[in-house]
Amino acid sequence: MVHTGERAPDEALTTAIRRVMVRLLPFLFFMYVIAFLDRVNIGFAKQEFQAHAGISEAAYALGAGLFFIGYALFEVPSNLIMTRVGARWWMCRIMVTWGLISAAMALVNSEFLFYLLRFLLGVAEAGFFPGVILYITYWVPHAYRARCNALFYFGIPLASVLGGPLSGLLLELDGAAGILGWQWMFAVEGLIACVVGVWAYFYLDNKPADAKWLSPYQRTALQTAVDREAEAKKAHGPHRMWSTLVDRRVLFFCLIYFLIQCSVYGMTFYLPTQVAAAVGSKVGLLVGLVTAIPWTVALLVNIAVSTGADRLAQPKKRFVAAACVATGSVGIAASAYFSSPVLAIAGLSVAAAGYISVQPVFWTFPAAYLTGTAAAAGIGLINSLGNLGGFVAPIAKTWIETSFHSQTAGLYLLAFCGFAAAALFLTLSRFKAPAEEIQTSPSKTGGAA
């Protein structure tokens, strides 16, 4: 079809973005479902795994966190490699290797092997999340990015909505074919990642110019839009790798994300056992189903918050982000305070909604500031240093609970981290976001969602 008239470029761009959302984003968040599940499924197997593999509480906390050390060390190099070899090949490599290592967790019989595999799992998965955030910048103009990030972030709550019952069901296969339930869980969920990784190689395209599922006119309009934004960002932000790694604003983003991840992973690693204590049951299918409730709430809140944030100028999004993370902290503090199972689950639902909803909005800040190699390095650095919160949180939570002889003290510590992140969001200065100057406004194009 031949487009004519002044609105033809806008119409082609809007249609192209809609097709990107329909084709790429569901697959990306499905990949993230598998990634997040393989990262945190150890929380479901915690009690049986510790008992059969001889893992102490302190060793569990250390092993759960060691994932993030390997993850942090290889995050930036992995993202830089992806810019050279392309997303489709690199995403395939990441998923297949982490799937094999996750499946190998079924063989753990000592603390040393547990530490080794958790570290290697982090090395294997390094680059996946920041790679996808970077990949989205190749396909989606800034005006639509918060809601696109939100659709991708559906992977976190969906991993628990679907993964909770799946993990619980696999645990109940205990003894089938002479294999323990936690071994079934690690083996099956790890091999699923391998299959999806091979699928990714054949499904993904590296950039809009390669997408045969877009018309030539749509490919041109979309590639032009993202290229124009990239050129504008070069003029206002760092565009070389080394200058990015020491940029003050990038390091400030690292600190905010670190505090958010302390709260998120401190809650996630222990959520199944918290729910089990609240409902008075061992971790299994029932606990898996109840654990899905907070993440179902997060699913519903996430897209509403991100769609609303896309209508705001970039500097005003910091108020949305601060409100989300503060609300999450109120929820997790409430879950610690109330002894009623209903009120505890309600508090955890508020916490999950706040902590999940803040993250797609957060990533619009570095994405509005960085481009090219700087984006690959900066997003990788923010995610790697930020995710060290996943290493610190389990250890800090265990330490403070032991020191105060209180099972709720650790939850209050996680809530404090969230409130600190909210305060830092409010201190973000009104910086010039070059991508916003040339973005295609949803109100002018009719939107893409």
Protein backbone atom coordinates (compact mmCIF):
# COMPACT_ATOMS: atom_id res chain seq x y z
CA MET A 1 0.00 0.00 0.00
CA VAL A 2 1.33 3.44 -0.94
CA HIS A 3 1.02 6.06 1.79
CA THR A 4 0.53 9.69 0.86
CA GLY A 5 -0.01 12.90 2.74
CA GLU A 6 1.69 14.45 5.76
CA ARG A 7 0.40 11.87 8.25
CA ALA A 8 1.82 8.89 6.38
CA PRO A 9 5.10 8.77 8.37
CA ASP A 10 3.21 9.01 11.70
CA GLU A 11 0.77 6.31 10.63
CA ALA A 12 3.59 4.02 9.50
CA LEU A 13 5.48 4.57 12.78
CA THR A 14 2.39 3.98 14.93
CA THR A 15 1.54 0.78 13.06
CA ALA A 16 5.12 -0.42 13.28
CA ILE A 17 5.23 0.13 17.05
CA ARG A 18 1.96 -1.76 17.47
CA ARG A 19 3.39 -4.68 15.55
CA VAL A 20 6.56 -4.61 17.65
CA MET A 21 4.45 -4.74 20.81
CA VAL A 22 2.44 -7.66 19.50
CA ARG A 23 5.33 -9.70 18.09
CA LEU A 24 8.40 -9.00 20.23
CA LEU A 25 7.23 -7.99 23.68
CA PRO A 26 5.19 -11.12 24.55
CA PHE A 27 8.16 -13.29 23.58
CA LEU A 28 10.61 -11.14 25.54
CA PHE A 29 8.54 -11.27 28.69
CA PHE A 30 8.08 -15.04 28.21
CA MET A 31 11.88 -15.30 28.15
CA TYR A 32 12.00 -13.23 31.34
CA VAL A 33 9.44 -15.52 32.98
CA ILE A 34 11.86 -18.42 32.45
CA ALA A 35 14.88 -16.36 33.53
CA PHE A 36 13.32 -15.09 36.72
CA LEU A 37 11.89 -18.49 37.60
CA ASP A 38 15.29 -20.17 37.26
CA ARG A 39 16.80 -17.39 39.38
CA VAL A 40 14.39 -17.60 42.33
CA ASN A 41 12.94 -21.14 42.18
CA ILE A 42 15.42 -22.01 44.90
CA GLY A 43 13.02 -20.22 47.26
CA PHE A 44 10.38 -22.87 46.62
CA ALA A 45 12.81 -25.74 47.20
CA LYS A 46 14.45 -24.10 50.22
CA GLN A 47 13.41 -26.44 53.04
CA GLU A 48 13.62 -29.78 51.19
CA PHE A 49 16.76 -28.71 49.33
CA GLN A 50 18.55 -27.72 52.54
CA ALA A 51 17.53 -30.92 54.29
CA HIS A 52 18.64 -33.34 51.56
CA ALA A 53 21.72 -31.46 50.30
CA GLY A 54 23.02 -30.57 53.76
CA ILE A 55 22.83 -26.79 53.27
CA SER A 56 22.75 -24.63 56.43
CA GLU A 57 20.70 -21.42 56.72
CA ALA A 58 23.81 -19.26 56.43
CA ALA A 59 25.05 -21.28 53.43
CA TYR A 60 21.66 -20.91 51.77
CA ALA A 61 21.75 -17.13 52.18
CA LEU A 62 25.32 -16.99 50.78
CA GLY A 63 24.54 -19.32 47.87
CA ALA A 64 21.35 -17.45 46.97
CA GLY A 65 23.37 -14.25 46.83
CA LEU A 66 26.41 -15.63 44.98
CA PHE A 67 24.33 -15.66 41.81
CA PHE A 68 24.56 -11.87 41.78
CA ILE A 69 28.36 -11.80 42.12
CA GLY A 70 28.81 -13.77 38.90
CA TYR A 71 26.02 -11.73 37.37
CA ALA A 72 27.64 -8.40 38.26
CA LEU A 73 31.13 -9.35 37.08
CA PHE A 74 30.02 -10.34 33.56
CA GLU A 75 27.09 -7.98 32.99
CA VAL A 76 28.86 -5.16 31.15
CA PRO A 77 31.08 -7.45 29.01
CA SER A 78 28.03 -9.50 28.04
CA ASN A 79 26.09 -6.41 26.95
CA LEU A 80 29.03 -5.15 24.89
CA ILE A 81 29.34 -8.53 23.17
CA MET A 82 25.65 -8.39 22.26
CA THR A 83 26.16 -5.08 20.44
CA ARG A 84 28.76 -6.81 18.26
CA VAL A 85 27.21 -10.23 17.58
CA GLY A 86 23.53 -9.31 17.66
CA ALA A 87 20.68 -10.07 20.05
CA ARG A 88 19.33 -13.25 18.45
CA TRP A 89 22.58 -15.22 18.76
CA TRP A 90 23.55 -13.84 22.16
CA MET A 91 20.11 -14.35 23.75
CA CYS A 92 20.18 -17.95 22.52
CA ARG A 93 23.61 -18.51 24.08
CA ILE A 94 22.57 -16.96 27.40
CA MET A 95 19.39 -19.01 27.78
CA VAL A 96 20.87 -22.35 26.77
CA THR A 97 23.86 -22.07 29.12
CA TRP A 98 21.85 -20.88 32.11
CA GLY A 99 19.26 -23.60 31.46
CA LEU A 100 21.91 -26.31 31.59
CA ILE A 101 23.43 -24.91 34.78
CA SER A 102 20.02 -24.50 36.41
CA ALA A 103 19.19 -28.12 35.59
CA ALA A 104 22.52 -29.17 37.12
CA MET A 105 21.30 -27.79 40.46
CA ALA A 106 19.47 -31.11 40.76
CA LEU A 107 22.88 -32.72 41.39
CA VAL A 108 23.87 -30.55 44.38
CA ASN A 109 25.03 -32.62 47.35
CA SER A 110 27.39 -30.20 49.12
CA GLU A 111 27.70 -26.54 50.02
CA PHE A 112 30.69 -26.12 47.68
CA LEU A 113 28.79 -27.41 44.64
CA PHE A 114 25.83 -25.21 45.61
CA TYR A 115 28.08 -22.12 45.73
CA LEU A 116 29.75 -23.02 42.43
CA LEU A 117 26.55 -23.58 40.48
CA ARG A 118 24.85 -20.46 41.83
CA PHE A 119 27.90 -18.37 40.84
CA LEU A 120 28.02 -19.97 37.36
CA LEU A 121 24.28 -19.42 36.94
CA GLY A 122 24.91 -15.71 37.46
CA VAL A 123 27.76 -15.74 34.94
CA ALA A 124 25.58 -17.52 32.38
CA GLU A 125 22.59 -15.22 32.80
CA ALA A 126 24.66 -12.01 32.89
CA GLY A 127 23.59 -9.67 30.16
CA PHE A 128 20.09 -11.05 29.63
CA PHE A 129 18.09 -8.36 31.42
CA PRO A 130 20.15 -5.30 30.38
CA GLY A 131 20.42 -6.83 26.93
CA VAL A 132 16.64 -6.82 26.61
CA ILE A 133 16.36 -3.27 27.99
CA LEU A 134 18.96 -2.21 25.38
CA TYR A 135 17.20 -4.27 22.69
CA ILE A 136 13.93 -2.42 23.37
CA THR A 137 15.70 0.91 22.71
CA TYR A 138 16.54 -0.41 19.23
CA TRP A 139 12.85 -0.94 18.47
CA VAL A 140 10.74 1.50 20.49
CA PRO A 141 10.88 5.35 20.60
CA HIS A 142 11.07 6.98 24.01
CA ALA A 143 7.40 8.01 24.17
CA TYR A 144 6.31 4.37 24.39
CA ARG A 145 9.13 2.91 26.40
CA ALA A 146 7.69 2.85 29.94
CA ARG A 147 4.73 0.71 28.86
CA CYS A 148 7.01 -1.51 26.75
CA ASN A 149 9.30 -1.99 29.74
CA ALA A 150 6.19 -2.77 31.79
CA LEU A 151 5.10 -5.47 29.37
CA PHE A 152 8.56 -6.99 29.62
CA TYR A 153 8.43 -6.70 33.40
CA PHE A 154 5.29 -8.82 33.35
CA GLY A 155 7.88 -11.62 33.44
CA ILE A 156 8.54 -11.09 37.17
CA PRO A 157 4.97 -11.43 38.47
CA LEU A 158 4.06 -13.94 35.77
CA ALA A 159 7.04 -16.08 36.77
CA SER A 160 5.48 -16.32 40.21
CA VAL A 161 1.84 -16.52 39.08
CA LEU A 162 2.64 -19.45 36.79
CA GLY A 163 5.93 -20.56 38.29
CA GLY A 164 4.66 -20.79 41.86
CA PRO A 165 2.08 -23.49 41.10
CA LEU A 166 4.47 -25.17 38.61
CA SER A 167 7.29 -25.32 41.15
CA GLY A 168 4.90 -26.50 43.84
CA LEU A 169 3.53 -29.22 41.55
CA LEU A 170 7.03 -30.43 40.60
CA LEU A 171 7.97 -30.55 44.28
CA GLU A 172 5.03 -32.88 44.83
CA LEU A 173 6.58 -35.36 42.37
CA ASP A 174 8.87 -36.23 45.27
CA GLY A 175 9.99 -39.86 44.88
CA ALA A 176 8.70 -40.31 41.31
CA ALA A 177 11.22 -42.43 39.34
CA GLY A 178 13.42 -42.31 42.43
CA ILE A 179 13.97 -38.56 42.02
CA LEU A 180 13.37 -36.02 44.79
CA GLY A 181 10.82 -33.24 44.23
CA TRP A 182 13.35 -30.41 44.31
CA GLN A 183 15.48 -32.29 41.75
CA TRP A 184 12.48 -32.56 39.43
CA MET A 185 11.91 -28.83 39.78
CA PHE A 186 15.46 -27.76 38.89
CA ALA A 187 15.80 -30.26 36.01
CA VAL A 188 12.48 -29.52 34.29
CA GLU A 189 12.60 -25.74 34.64
CA GLY A 190 16.24 -25.61 33.50
CA LEU A 191 15.57 -27.65 30.37
CA ILE A 192 12.61 -25.38 29.50
CA ALA A 193 15.10 -22.47 29.34
CA CYS A 194 17.26 -24.41 26.85
CA VAL A 195 14.30 -24.99 24.53
CA VAL A 196 13.21 -21.33 24.66
CA GLY A 197 16.79 -20.22 23.99
CA VAL A 198 16.96 -22.19 20.73
CA TRP A 199 13.55 -20.78 19.79
CA ALA A 200 14.86 -17.23 20.39
CA TYR A 201 17.56 -17.66 17.74
CA PHE A 202 14.97 -18.30 15.04
CA TYR A 203 12.37 -15.81 16.31
CA LEU A 204 14.23 -12.58 17.09
CA ASP A 205 15.54 -9.99 14.63
CA ASN A 206 18.48 -7.77 15.57
CA LYS A 207 16.97 -4.42 14.48
CA PRO A 208 13.95 -2.96 12.64
CA ALA A 209 15.79 -2.94 9.30
CA ASP A 210 15.97 -6.76 9.51
CA ALA A 211 12.28 -7.31 10.30
CA LYS A 212 10.56 -8.97 7.35
CA TRP A 213 7.27 -8.92 9.31
CA LEU A 214 7.22 -5.10 8.91
CA SER A 215 6.46 -3.46 5.60
CA PRO A 216 9.33 -1.53 3.94
CA TYR A 217 7.60 1.75 4.82
CA GLN A 218 7.17 0.69 8.47
CA ARG A 219 10.80 -0.46 8.71
CA THR A 220 12.03 2.88 7.39
CA ALA A 221 9.78 4.96 9.68
CA LEU A 222 10.72 2.99 12.80
CA GLN A 223 14.46 2.84 12.08
CA THR A 224 14.48 6.58 11.35
CA ALA A 225 12.70 7.38 14.62
CA VAL A 226 15.06 5.39 16.84
CA ASP A 227 18.14 6.61 14.95
CA ARG A 228 17.03 10.23 15.39
CA GLU A 229 16.69 9.74 19.14
CA ALA A 230 20.10 8.09 19.32
CA GLU A 231 21.74 11.07 17.62
CA ALA A 232 20.04 13.50 20.01
CA LYS A 233 21.22 11.56 23.07
CA LYS A 234 24.81 11.61 21.83
CA ALA A 235 24.80 15.40 22.10
CA HIS A 236 23.65 15.48 25.76
CA GLY A 237 24.95 12.34 27.47
CA PRO A 238 28.11 10.24 27.48
CA HIS A 239 28.58 8.14 24.37
CA ARG A 240 31.87 6.41 25.14
CA MET A 241 32.13 3.35 27.34
CA TRP A 242 34.69 4.56 29.88
CA SER A 243 33.11 7.97 30.40
CA THR A 244 29.80 6.21 31.00
CA LEU A 245 31.18 3.92 33.71
CA VAL A 246 32.31 6.91 35.82
CA ASP A 247 29.42 9.24 34.96
CA ARG A 248 27.90 10.63 38.19
CA ARG A 249 24.31 10.28 37.04
CA VAL A 250 24.85 6.67 35.98
CA LEU A 251 26.35 5.87 39.40
CA PHE A 252 23.38 7.56 41.07
CA PHE A 253 21.05 5.33 39.05
CA CYS A 254 23.11 2.35 40.26
CA LEU A 255 22.49 3.31 43.90
CA ILE A 256 18.74 3.71 43.43
CA TYR A 257 18.46 0.40 41.62
CA PHE A 258 20.57 -1.33 44.29
CA LEU A 259 18.13 -0.26 47.01
CA ILE A 260 15.14 -1.37 44.94
CA GLN A 261 16.68 -4.78 44.32
CA CYS A 262 17.48 -5.23 48.02
CA SER A 263 13.77 -4.96 48.70
CA VAL A 264 12.67 -7.05 45.71
CA TYR A 265 14.99 -10.02 46.21
CA GLY A 266 14.85 -9.90 49.98
CA MET A 267 11.13 -10.48 49.60
CA THR A 268 11.26 -12.89 46.66
CA PHE A 269 13.77 -15.39 48.07
CA TYR A 270 11.73 -15.81 51.24
CA LEU A 271 8.17 -15.24 49.99
CA PRO A 272 7.23 -18.95 49.71
CA THR A 273 8.34 -19.67 53.28
CA GLN A 274 6.56 -16.51 54.52
CA VAL A 275 3.36 -17.63 52.83
CA ALA A 276 3.78 -21.17 54.18
CA ALA A 277 4.07 -19.77 57.71
CA ALA A 278 1.03 -17.54 57.19
CA VAL A 279 -1.24 -20.33 55.91
CA GLY A 280 0.22 -23.01 58.18
CA SER A 281 1.28 -25.40 55.41
CA LYS A 282 4.49 -26.77 53.94
CA VAL A 283 5.69 -25.43 50.58
CA GLY A 284 3.76 -27.26 47.87
CA LEU A 285 0.93 -26.66 45.41
CA LEU A 286 -1.27 -24.79 47.95
CA VAL A 287 1.52 -22.40 48.93
CA GLY A 288 2.42 -21.99 45.25
CA LEU A 289 -1.16 -20.93 44.47
CA VAL A 290 -1.33 -18.50 47.42
CA THR A 291 2.09 -17.10 46.51
CA ALA A 292 0.66 -16.23 43.08
CA ILE A 293 -1.82 -13.77 44.66
CA PRO A 294 0.66 -10.90 45.32
CA TRP A 295 2.13 -11.26 41.82
CA THR A 296 -1.32 -11.28 40.21
CA VAL A 297 -2.01 -7.95 41.90
CA ALA A 298 1.37 -6.71 40.65
CA LEU A 299 0.42 -7.68 37.08
CA LEU A 300 -2.71 -5.54 37.18
CA VAL A 301 -1.06 -2.52 38.79
CA ASN A 302 2.10 -2.62 36.66
CA ILE A 303 0.58 -1.82 33.28
CA ALA A 304 -1.72 0.89 34.69
CA VAL A 305 1.18 2.71 36.37
CA SER A 306 3.48 2.49 33.35
CA THR A 307 0.82 3.63 30.87
CA GLY A 308 0.09 6.61 33.09
CA ALA A 309 3.79 7.39 33.45
CA ASP A 310 4.20 7.50 29.65
CA ARG A 311 1.84 10.48 29.58
CA LEU A 312 4.15 12.52 31.82
CA ALA A 313 7.29 14.47 30.98
CA GLN A 314 10.42 12.55 31.98
CA PRO A 315 11.29 14.65 35.07
CA LYS A 316 7.79 14.14 36.52
CA LYS A 317 8.13 10.37 36.29
CA ARG A 318 10.35 10.48 39.36
CA PHE A 319 7.27 11.22 41.50
CA VAL A 320 5.53 8.14 40.12
CA ALA A 321 8.61 6.02 40.80
CA ALA A 322 8.98 7.35 44.35
CA ALA A 323 5.30 6.70 45.11
CA CYS A 324 5.53 3.13 43.81
CA VAL A 325 8.59 2.09 45.81
CA ALA A 326 7.33 3.82 48.98
CA THR A 327 3.99 2.02 48.65
CA GLY A 328 5.81 -1.28 48.24
CA SER A 329 7.73 -0.60 51.45
CA VAL A 330 4.53 0.16 53.34
CA GLY A 331 3.20 -3.19 52.13
CA ILE A 332 6.20 -5.23 53.21
CA ALA A 333 6.26 -3.51 56.62
CA ALA A 334 2.55 -4.29 57.01
CA SER A 335 3.16 -7.96 56.17
CA ALA A 336 5.67 -8.08 59.03
CA TYR A 337 3.42 -6.25 61.48
CA PHE A 338 0.15 -8.14 61.03
CA SER A 339 -0.17 -11.71 62.30
CA SER A 340 -3.42 -12.36 60.42
CA PRO A 341 -2.75 -14.48 57.29
CA VAL A 342 -5.23 -12.41 55.27
CA LEU A 343 -3.64 -9.09 56.25
CA ALA A 344 -0.13 -10.51 55.74
CA ILE A 345 -0.98 -11.64 52.20
CA ALA A 346 -2.62 -8.26 51.54
CA GLY A 347 0.57 -6.51 52.67
CA LEU A 348 2.71 -8.72 50.45
CA SER A 349 0.36 -7.94 47.52
CA VAL A 350 0.87 -4.20 48.04
CA ALA A 351 4.62 -4.78 48.30
CA ALA A 352 4.77 -6.79 45.08
CA ALA A 353 2.68 -4.21 43.21
CA GLY A 354 4.87 -1.32 44.32
CA TYR A 355 8.23 -2.99 43.75
CA ILE A 356 7.32 -4.35 40.32
CA SER A 357 5.65 -1.16 39.08
CA VAL A 358 8.60 1.08 39.95
CA GLN A 359 11.08 -0.79 37.78
CA PRO A 360 9.74 -0.11 34.25
CA VAL A 361 9.48 3.58 35.18
CA PHE A 362 13.01 3.56 36.60
CA TRP A 363 14.53 2.27 33.35
CA THR A 364 13.13 5.22 31.37
CA PHE A 365 15.69 7.47 33.11
CA PRO A 366 18.94 5.82 31.91
CA ALA A 367 17.32 4.97 28.55
CA ALA A 368 16.55 8.68 28.02
CA TYR A 369 20.14 9.60 28.77
CA LEU A 370 22.32 6.97 27.08
CA THR A 371 22.78 5.64 23.55
CA GLY A 372 25.06 3.38 21.53
CA THR A 373 28.03 1.83 23.35
CA ALA A 374 27.28 4.11 26.30
CA ALA A 375 23.83 2.56 26.61
CA ALA A 376 25.24 -0.96 26.45
CA ALA A 377 27.84 -0.20 29.12
CA GLY A 378 25.66 2.07 31.27
CA ILE A 379 22.60 -0.16 31.37
CA GLY A 380 24.84 -3.14 32.04
CA LEU A 381 26.61 -1.33 34.89
CA ILE A 382 23.36 -0.11 36.48
CA ASN A 383 21.85 -3.57 36.35
CA SER A 384 24.99 -5.35 37.56
CA LEU A 385 25.71 -3.07 40.53
CA GLY A 386 22.02 -2.72 41.29
CA ASN A 387 21.50 -6.46 41.33
CA LEU A 388 24.18 -6.80 43.98
CA GLY A 389 21.20 -5.97 46.17
CA GLY A 390 20.19 -9.56 45.51
CA PHE A 391 23.47 -10.65 47.10
CA VAL A 392 23.31 -8.28 50.05
CA ALA A 393 19.61 -8.66 50.92
CA PRO A 394 19.49 -12.38 51.94
CA ILE A 395 22.67 -12.06 54.00
CA ALA A 396 21.60 -8.78 55.66
CA LYS A 397 18.13 -10.15 56.34
CA THR A 398 19.52 -13.28 58.01
CA TRP A 399 22.05 -11.26 60.03
CA ILE A 400 19.55 -8.73 61.39
CA GLU A 401 17.01 -11.42 62.25
CA THR A 402 19.69 -13.32 64.16
CA SER A 403 20.97 -10.19 65.89
CA PHE A 404 17.51 -9.05 67.02
CA HIS A 405 16.11 -12.58 67.51
CA SER A 406 13.15 -11.54 65.38
CA GLN A 407 11.73 -13.01 62.18
CA THR A 408 10.17 -9.64 61.26
CA ALA A 409 13.29 -7.46 61.72
CA GLY A 410 14.58 -8.48 58.28
CA LEU A 411 11.35 -7.38 56.60
CA TYR A 412 11.58 -3.97 58.26
CA LEU A 413 15.12 -3.66 56.91
CA LEU A 414 13.86 -4.37 53.37
CA ALA A 415 11.14 -1.76 53.82
CA PHE A 416 13.78 0.79 54.90
CA CYS A 417 15.74 0.15 51.68
CA GLY A 418 12.61 0.90 49.67
CA PHE A 419 11.93 4.16 51.52
CA ALA A 420 15.55 5.21 50.92
CA ALA A 421 15.12 4.56 47.17
CA ALA A 422 11.95 6.68 47.18
CA ALA A 423 13.85 9.56 48.80
CA LEU A 424 16.60 9.33 46.19
CA PHE A 425 14.07 9.42 43.35
CA LEU A 426 12.78 12.73 44.71
CA THR A 427 16.29 14.21 44.64
CA LEU A 428 16.73 13.58 40.92
CA SER A 429 17.31 17.01 39.39
CA ARG A 430 15.35 18.14 36.38
CA PHE A 431 17.91 17.04 33.81
CA LYS A 432 17.52 17.46 30.10
CA ALA A 433 16.32 14.25 28.49
CA PRO A 434 17.25 14.60 24.80
CA ALA A 435 15.09 11.66 23.74
CA GLU A 436 12.04 13.53 25.00
CA GLU A 437 12.74 16.51 22.77
CA ILE A 438 12.30 14.51 19.58
CA GLN A 439 10.01 11.72 20.80
CA THR A 440 6.82 10.90 18.96
CA SER A 441 4.06 11.77 21.40
CA PRO A 442 1.36 9.12 21.87
CA SER A 443 -1.27 11.83 21.87
CA LYS A 444 -0.23 12.90 18.39
CA THR A 445 -0.05 9.47 16.82
CA GLY A 446 -3.00 7.90 18.51
CA GLY A 447 -0.87 5.64 20.69
CA ALA A 448 0.59 2.24 20.12
CA ALA A 449 -0.77 0.26 22.99
